[in-house]
Protein backbone atom coordinates (compact mmCIF):
# COMPACT_ATOMS: atom_id res chain seq x y z
CA UNK A 1 0.01 0.34 0.07
CA UNK A 2 1.34 3.09 -1.15
CA UNK A 3 -0.38 7.15 -0.88
CA UNK A 4 -1.09 9.46 -3.88
CA UNK A 5 -1.71 13.31 -2.58
CA UNK A 6 -2.83 15.22 -5.38
CA UNK A 7 -2.82 19.03 -4.85
CA UNK A 8 -1.95 22.75 -6.90
CA UNK A 9 0.63 25.35 -5.12
CA UNK A 10 0.16 28.13 -4.09
CA UNK A 11 2.33 31.02 -5.86
CA UNK A 12 2.25 34.24 -7.37
CA UNK A 13 2.66 32.78 -10.99
CA UNK A 14 -0.06 30.81 -12.71
CA UNK A 15 1.24 27.68 -12.98
CA UNK A 16 1.02 27.06 -9.19
CA UNK A 17 -2.98 27.11 -9.51
CA UNK A 18 -2.81 23.21 -11.82
CA UNK A 19 -2.22 19.85 -10.54
CA UNK A 20 0.28 18.20 -8.97
CA UNK A 21 1.41 15.17 -7.77
CA UNK A 22 3.28 13.55 -4.47
CA UNK A 23 3.88 9.97 -3.23
CA UNK A 24 4.58 8.62 -0.42
CA UNK A 25 4.92 4.60 0.76
CA UNK A 26 4.58 5.04 4.60
CA UNK A 27 1.88 8.31 4.32
CA UNK A 28 4.03 10.34 6.54
CA UNK A 29 7.05 11.16 4.13
CA UNK A 30 5.69 12.60 0.54
CA UNK A 31 8.13 13.09 -2.31
CA UNK A 32 7.00 15.28 -5.03
CA UNK A 33 6.18 13.71 -8.78
CA UNK A 34 7.27 15.01 -12.39
CA UNK A 35 10.24 17.19 -10.67
CA UNK A 36 7.58 19.40 -9.22
CA UNK A 37 5.91 20.44 -11.95
CA UNK A 38 2.49 20.38 -12.91
CA UNK A 39 0.98 16.77 -14.29
CA UNK A 40 -1.63 18.50 -15.77
CA UNK A 41 -2.24 22.35 -16.41
CA UNK A 42 -5.72 23.74 -17.67
CA UNK A 43 -6.53 25.18 -21.00
CA UNK A 44 -9.91 25.70 -20.35
CA UNK A 45 -12.47 28.13 -18.39
CA UNK A 46 -10.04 30.77 -16.06
CA UNK A 47 -7.08 28.45 -16.90
CA UNK A 48 -6.40 27.27 -13.26
CA UNK A 49 -7.27 24.24 -10.95
CA UNK A 50 -7.65 24.70 -7.39
CA UNK A 51 -9.40 22.35 -4.34
CA UNK A 52 -8.51 19.28 -6.42
CA UNK A 53 -9.89 16.09 -5.99
CA UNK A 54 -9.01 12.66 -7.19
CA UNK A 55 -11.72 9.46 -6.94
CA UNK A 56 -10.82 6.27 -7.85
CA UNK A 57 -13.78 4.96 -9.68
CA UNK A 58 -15.74 1.51 -9.08
CA UNK A 59 -15.72 0.93 -12.39
CA UNK A 60 -12.53 1.28 -13.16
CA UNK A 61 -9.98 4.02 -13.25
CA UNK A 62 -10.02 7.93 -11.91
CA UNK A 63 -11.52 11.19 -12.21
CA UNK A 64 -9.83 14.24 -11.07
CA UNK A 65 -12.43 17.44 -10.42
CA UNK A 66 -10.96 21.02 -10.09
CA UNK A 67 -12.43 24.19 -9.06
CA UNK A 68 -12.23 25.81 -12.84
CA UNK A 69 -10.47 29.22 -11.19
CA UNK A 70 -6.99 31.50 -11.00
CA UNK A 71 -6.64 33.79 -8.71
CA UNK A 72 -3.13 35.02 -9.73
CA UNK A 73 -5.02 36.14 -12.88
CA UNK A 74 -7.44 38.69 -10.34
CA UNK A 75 -4.46 39.69 -8.82
CA UNK A 76 -4.07 43.38 -8.76
CA UNK A 77 -0.63 45.13 -8.90
CA UNK A 78 -0.28 44.67 -5.38
CA UNK A 79 -1.42 40.53 -5.25
CA UNK A 80 -4.43 41.85 -3.81
CA UNK A 81 -7.77 39.79 -4.49
CA UNK A 82 -11.63 41.19 -4.68
CA UNK A 83 -12.88 37.75 -2.93
CA UNK A 84 -16.09 39.40 -2.68
CA UNK A 85 -16.12 39.40 -6.39
CA UNK A 86 -14.50 35.98 -7.15
CA UNK A 87 -17.50 34.29 -4.99
CA UNK A 88 -20.06 35.92 -7.66
CA UNK A 89 -18.25 35.86 -11.04
CA UNK A 90 -15.92 33.30 -10.61
CA UNK A 91 -15.66 29.46 -11.58
CA UNK A 92 -19.59 29.06 -12.61
CA UNK A 93 -18.47 24.71 -13.63
CA UNK A 94 -15.56 22.23 -12.69
CA UNK A 95 -12.64 21.09 -14.46
CA UNK A 96 -12.23 17.21 -14.88
CA UNK A 97 -9.51 14.81 -16.57
CA UNK A 98 -10.37 10.98 -16.59
CA UNK A 99 -7.32 8.35 -16.55
CA UNK A 100 -7.36 4.98 -16.71
CA UNK A 101 -3.79 4.71 -14.96
CA UNK A 102 -2.94 7.85 -14.14
CA UNK A 103 -0.75 8.48 -16.61
CA UNK A 104 -2.57 8.75 -20.01
CA UNK A 105 -5.03 11.34 -19.40
CA UNK A 106 -8.28 12.20 -21.76
CA UNK A 107 -9.24 15.48 -22.86
CA UNK A 108 -10.02 18.45 -20.13
CA UNK A 109 -13.74 18.36 -19.56
CA UNK A 110 -15.90 21.12 -18.19
CA UNK A 111 -18.80 19.52 -15.99
CA UNK A 112 -22.31 21.13 -15.78
CA UNK A 113 -23.15 20.72 -12.29
CA UNK A 114 -24.49 24.65 -11.06
CA UNK A 115 -26.82 26.73 -11.32
CA UNK A 116 -27.59 30.06 -13.38
CA UNK A 117 -27.55 32.02 -10.05
CA UNK A 118 -24.94 30.28 -8.87
CA UNK A 119 -21.46 32.57 -7.79
CA UNK A 120 -18.24 30.57 -7.72
CA UNK A 121 -17.73 26.67 -6.91
CA UNK A 122 -15.70 26.13 -4.97
CA UNK A 123 -13.63 23.02 -3.52
CA UNK A 124 -15.36 19.88 -5.18
CA UNK A 125 -15.34 16.52 -3.34
CA UNK A 126 -16.70 13.13 -3.82
CA UNK A 127 -18.42 10.60 -1.86
CA UNK A 128 -19.34 7.00 -2.93
CA UNK A 129 -22.58 5.71 -2.05
CA UNK A 130 -22.00 1.89 -2.27
CA UNK A 131 -25.50 0.95 -1.43
CA UNK A 132 -26.99 3.20 -4.63
CA UNK A 133 -23.71 2.77 -6.76
CA UNK A 134 -23.64 6.51 -7.36
CA UNK A 135 -21.50 9.63 -6.26
CA UNK A 136 -22.50 12.56 -4.71
CA UNK A 137 -20.43 15.38 -5.38
CA UNK A 138 -20.51 18.54 -2.85
CA UNK A 139 -19.29 21.81 -2.80
CA UNK A 140 -19.45 25.46 -1.92
CA UNK A 141 -21.32 27.85 -3.52
CA UNK A 142 -23.04 31.72 -2.67
CA UNK A 143 -26.26 32.41 -4.43
CA UNK A 144 -27.27 35.35 -6.59
CA UNK A 145 -30.53 35.50 -4.17
CA UNK A 146 -29.04 36.99 -0.98
CA UNK A 147 -26.25 39.07 -3.40
CA UNK A 148 -23.47 36.05 -2.99
CA UNK A 149 -22.93 36.48 0.01
CA UNK A 150 -23.95 33.45 2.21
CA UNK A 151 -21.89 30.03 1.48
CA UNK A 152 -23.13 26.66 2.06
CA UNK A 153 -22.98 23.18 0.98
CA UNK A 154 -24.63 22.15 -2.31
CA UNK A 155 -24.81 18.66 -3.59
CA UNK A 156 -25.19 16.84 -6.73
CA UNK A 157 -25.62 13.46 -7.51
CA UNK A 158 -24.42 11.18 -10.57
CA UNK A 159 -23.34 7.26 -12.03
CA UNK A 160 -20.81 8.62 -14.33
CA UNK A 161 -19.95 12.13 -13.88
CA UNK A 162 -21.36 13.00 -17.30
CA UNK A 163 -25.53 13.72 -16.47
CA UNK A 164 -26.13 15.07 -13.00
CA UNK A 165 -28.52 15.68 -10.67
CA UNK A 166 -30.35 19.22 -10.06
CA UNK A 167 -28.27 20.66 -7.15
CA UNK A 168 -29.84 20.83 -3.86
CA UNK A 169 -28.52 22.16 -0.24
CA UNK A 170 -26.53 19.48 1.68
CA UNK A 171 -25.77 21.53 4.22
CA UNK A 172 -25.96 24.50 5.89
CA UNK A 173 -25.51 27.22 9.21
CA UNK A 174 -26.53 30.56 9.97
CA UNK A 175 -22.95 31.31 9.39
CA UNK A 176 -20.95 30.64 5.73
CA UNK A 177 -19.42 27.35 5.68
CA UNK A 178 -17.17 25.94 2.99
CA UNK A 179 -14.51 23.46 2.08
CA UNK A 180 -16.99 20.19 3.02
CA UNK A 181 -15.09 16.35 3.44
CA UNK A 182 -17.02 13.15 3.91
CA UNK A 183 -15.87 10.01 4.59
CA UNK A 184 -17.66 7.08 6.30
CA UNK A 185 -16.07 4.59 9.19
CA UNK A 186 -17.95 1.56 9.66
CA UNK A 187 -21.78 2.83 10.08
CA UNK A 188 -20.79 6.43 10.85
CA UNK A 189 -20.53 9.37 7.99
CA UNK A 190 -17.79 12.02 9.40
CA UNK A 191 -18.29 15.52 7.88
CA UNK A 192 -15.71 18.19 8.16
CA UNK A 193 -15.89 21.54 7.22
CA UNK A 194 -14.59 25.12 7.97
CA UNK A 195 -16.48 27.88 9.46
CA UNK A 196 -15.76 31.12 7.79
CA UNK A 197 -16.79 33.12 10.86
CA UNK A 198 -18.51 32.84 14.32
CA UNK A 199 -15.82 31.00 14.92
CA UNK A 200 -13.54 30.91 12.01
CA UNK A 201 -12.47 27.29 12.47
CA UNK A 202 -12.48 23.78 10.95
CA UNK A 203 -15.82 21.93 12.55
CA UNK A 204 -16.57 18.07 12.64
CA UNK A 205 -19.96 16.61 12.67
CA UNK A 206 -20.85 13.04 12.78
CA UNK A 207 -24.31 11.32 11.60
CA UNK A 208 -25.39 7.37 10.42
CA UNK A 209 -27.28 8.47 7.50
CA UNK A 210 -25.21 10.14 4.33
CA UNK A 211 -27.84 12.92 4.23
CA UNK A 212 -27.71 13.52 7.83
CA UNK A 213 -29.03 15.31 10.26
CA UNK A 214 -25.49 15.97 11.34
CA UNK A 215 -24.15 16.25 15.10
CA UNK A 216 -21.72 18.68 16.18
CA UNK A 217 -18.61 17.01 17.99
CA UNK A 218 -17.95 20.00 20.38
CA UNK A 219 -14.78 18.53 21.87
CA UNK A 220 -12.92 18.98 18.21
CA UNK A 221 -14.02 22.42 18.50
CA UNK A 222 -12.94 22.88 21.71
CA UNK A 223 -9.59 21.28 20.18
CA UNK A 224 -8.87 23.41 16.97
CA UNK A 225 -10.31 26.58 19.37
CA UNK A 226 -6.68 26.25 20.98
CA UNK A 227 -4.58 26.06 17.75
CA UNK A 228 -2.66 30.05 17.02
CA UNK A 229 -4.54 31.28 13.87
CA UNK A 230 -7.21 28.82 14.17
CA UNK A 231 -9.36 30.34 11.06
CA UNK A 232 -6.63 29.46 8.98
CA UNK A 233 -6.89 26.02 8.55
CA UNK A 234 -9.22 24.98 5.88
CA UNK A 235 -9.51 22.08 3.19
CA UNK A 236 -10.26 19.09 5.59
CA UNK A 237 -8.75 15.68 4.10
CA UNK A 238 -8.27 12.18 5.84
CA UNK A 239 -7.17 8.78 5.85
CA UNK A 240 -5.86 5.89 7.33
CA UNK A 241 -2.44 5.69 8.19
CA UNK A 242 -0.36 1.91 7.73
CA UNK A 243 -0.02 2.20 11.92
CA UNK A 244 -4.24 2.02 11.90
CA UNK A 245 -3.88 5.36 12.85
CA UNK A 246 -6.26 8.25 11.40
CA UNK A 247 -4.65 11.56 9.37
CA UNK A 248 -6.19 14.70 9.31
CA UNK A 249 -4.72 16.91 7.00
CA UNK A 250 -5.89 21.02 7.36
CA UNK A 251 -4.45 23.18 4.89
CA UNK A 252 -2.53 26.43 6.43
CA UNK A 253 -3.83 29.11 3.14
CA UNK A 254 -1.02 31.84 2.61
CA UNK A 255 1.68 29.11 2.30
CA UNK A 256 3.27 31.43 -0.39
CA UNK A 257 3.79 33.96 2.65
CA UNK A 258 3.89 31.86 5.56
CA UNK A 259 5.93 29.34 3.85
CA UNK A 260 3.22 26.50 4.84
CA UNK A 261 0.64 24.40 3.14
CA UNK A 262 -1.06 21.41 4.87
CA UNK A 263 -0.70 20.60 8.65
CA UNK A 264 -1.20 16.58 9.79
CA UNK A 265 -3.23 15.52 12.96
CA UNK A 266 -3.52 11.98 13.75
CA UNK A 267 -5.65 10.29 16.54
CA UNK A 268 -5.25 6.64 18.04
CA UNK A 269 -8.33 5.16 15.17
CA UNK A 270 -10.27 5.59 12.35
CA UNK A 271 -13.65 7.24 13.68
CA UNK A 272 -11.85 9.04 16.89
CA UNK A 273 -11.56 12.28 16.06
CA UNK A 274 -9.57 13.78 19.05
CA UNK A 275 -6.57 14.51 17.01
CA UNK A 276 -3.54 16.22 17.80
CA UNK A 277 -0.85 18.34 15.70
CA UNK A 278 1.98 16.59 14.96
CA UNK A 279 4.12 18.09 12.14
CA UNK A 280 7.31 16.58 13.72
CA UNK A 281 6.64 13.10 12.11
CA UNK A 282 5.62 14.43 8.68
CA UNK A 283 7.78 15.87 5.70
CA UNK A 284 6.94 17.61 2.31
CA UNK A 285 9.23 18.69 -0.18
CA UNK A 286 7.17 21.59 -0.23
CA UNK A 287 3.62 23.63 1.11
CA UNK A 288 0.88 21.20 -0.85
CA UNK A 289 -1.96 23.42 -1.26
CA UNK A 290 -5.92 22.03 -1.06
CA UNK A 291 -6.36 18.30 -2.36
CA UNK A 292 -6.98 15.12 -1.44
CA UNK A 293 -5.04 11.66 -0.36
CA UNK A 294 -6.20 8.03 -1.83
CA UNK A 295 -4.37 5.06 -1.15
CA UNK A 296 -2.89 3.62 -4.16
CA UNK A 297 -1.59 -0.16 -4.98
CA UNK A 298 2.18 -0.75 -4.73
CA UNK A 299 2.24 -1.40 -8.40
CA UNK A 300 0.35 2.05 -8.94
CA UNK A 301 3.25 3.25 -6.68
CA UNK A 302 6.08 2.21 -8.40
CA UNK A 303 4.64 2.76 -12.23
CA UNK A 304 4.16 6.84 -11.18
CA UNK A 305 7.81 7.08 -9.65
CA UNK A 306 8.96 5.29 -12.84
CA UNK A 307 7.14 7.32 -15.12
CA UNK A 308 7.00 10.85 -13.41
CA UNK A 309 11.17 10.68 -12.77
């Protein structure tokens, strides 16, 4: 068993907002592929890739889905960004690539998942519903009705990433939320997400039903509140380490300035949300930005290492 981390880089040039691969044999120490250069570069939409998602399809192969956005192209001469404008006029659909083997990729696609009244569609993630053999794709969006000021989590269902159900609200609160991540441990669904305010930090909730209701995890919130700059972490992704422990990765944003990216938090077992930060046990070649970790086989690991020397 090995791991593939698919992510982007936060740079002041457009090549950072593309698709990058890094791999690990132990889940702790990651190494860059392709000399740290992009694996995929967008040529459609806003010609950027942020918030990278990768899905191993139950029918074979993979699909990579990203937010179709390039923040660098929206910066002024002082590198400032009008985020209100981004949230109302940004990405209206997702970028996607299909691949049978993580080496040979089909043509870039734009997935028509959204609605006319959506603002920017942020951070697509996918959960495979085994019982119904369908994929639930969820993301954060604002809508025109409230002047693009209140972000919630929407979802759509697909069996083939070609046709999609009408988007509906999946999870929402009185405050803005974003960056949802769903995983199932035994009979419990775990939802991680980011509060943008009141308070600004990552949250965790659980449910016995994929579509909720979800119960808030107060202990997790209390621990997140102890972090320095708790509002600076986002983009949760989780995976199980070879030793059986559960790893939660949170992206410390602003890594071009702060020289940080993903930060690891580890608990004793999957489903146990008593996480503790343990940066000293992990290593990264540079600051990974908003992405996804998946398990790959030893054969896939060797093939990636050989191809992307």
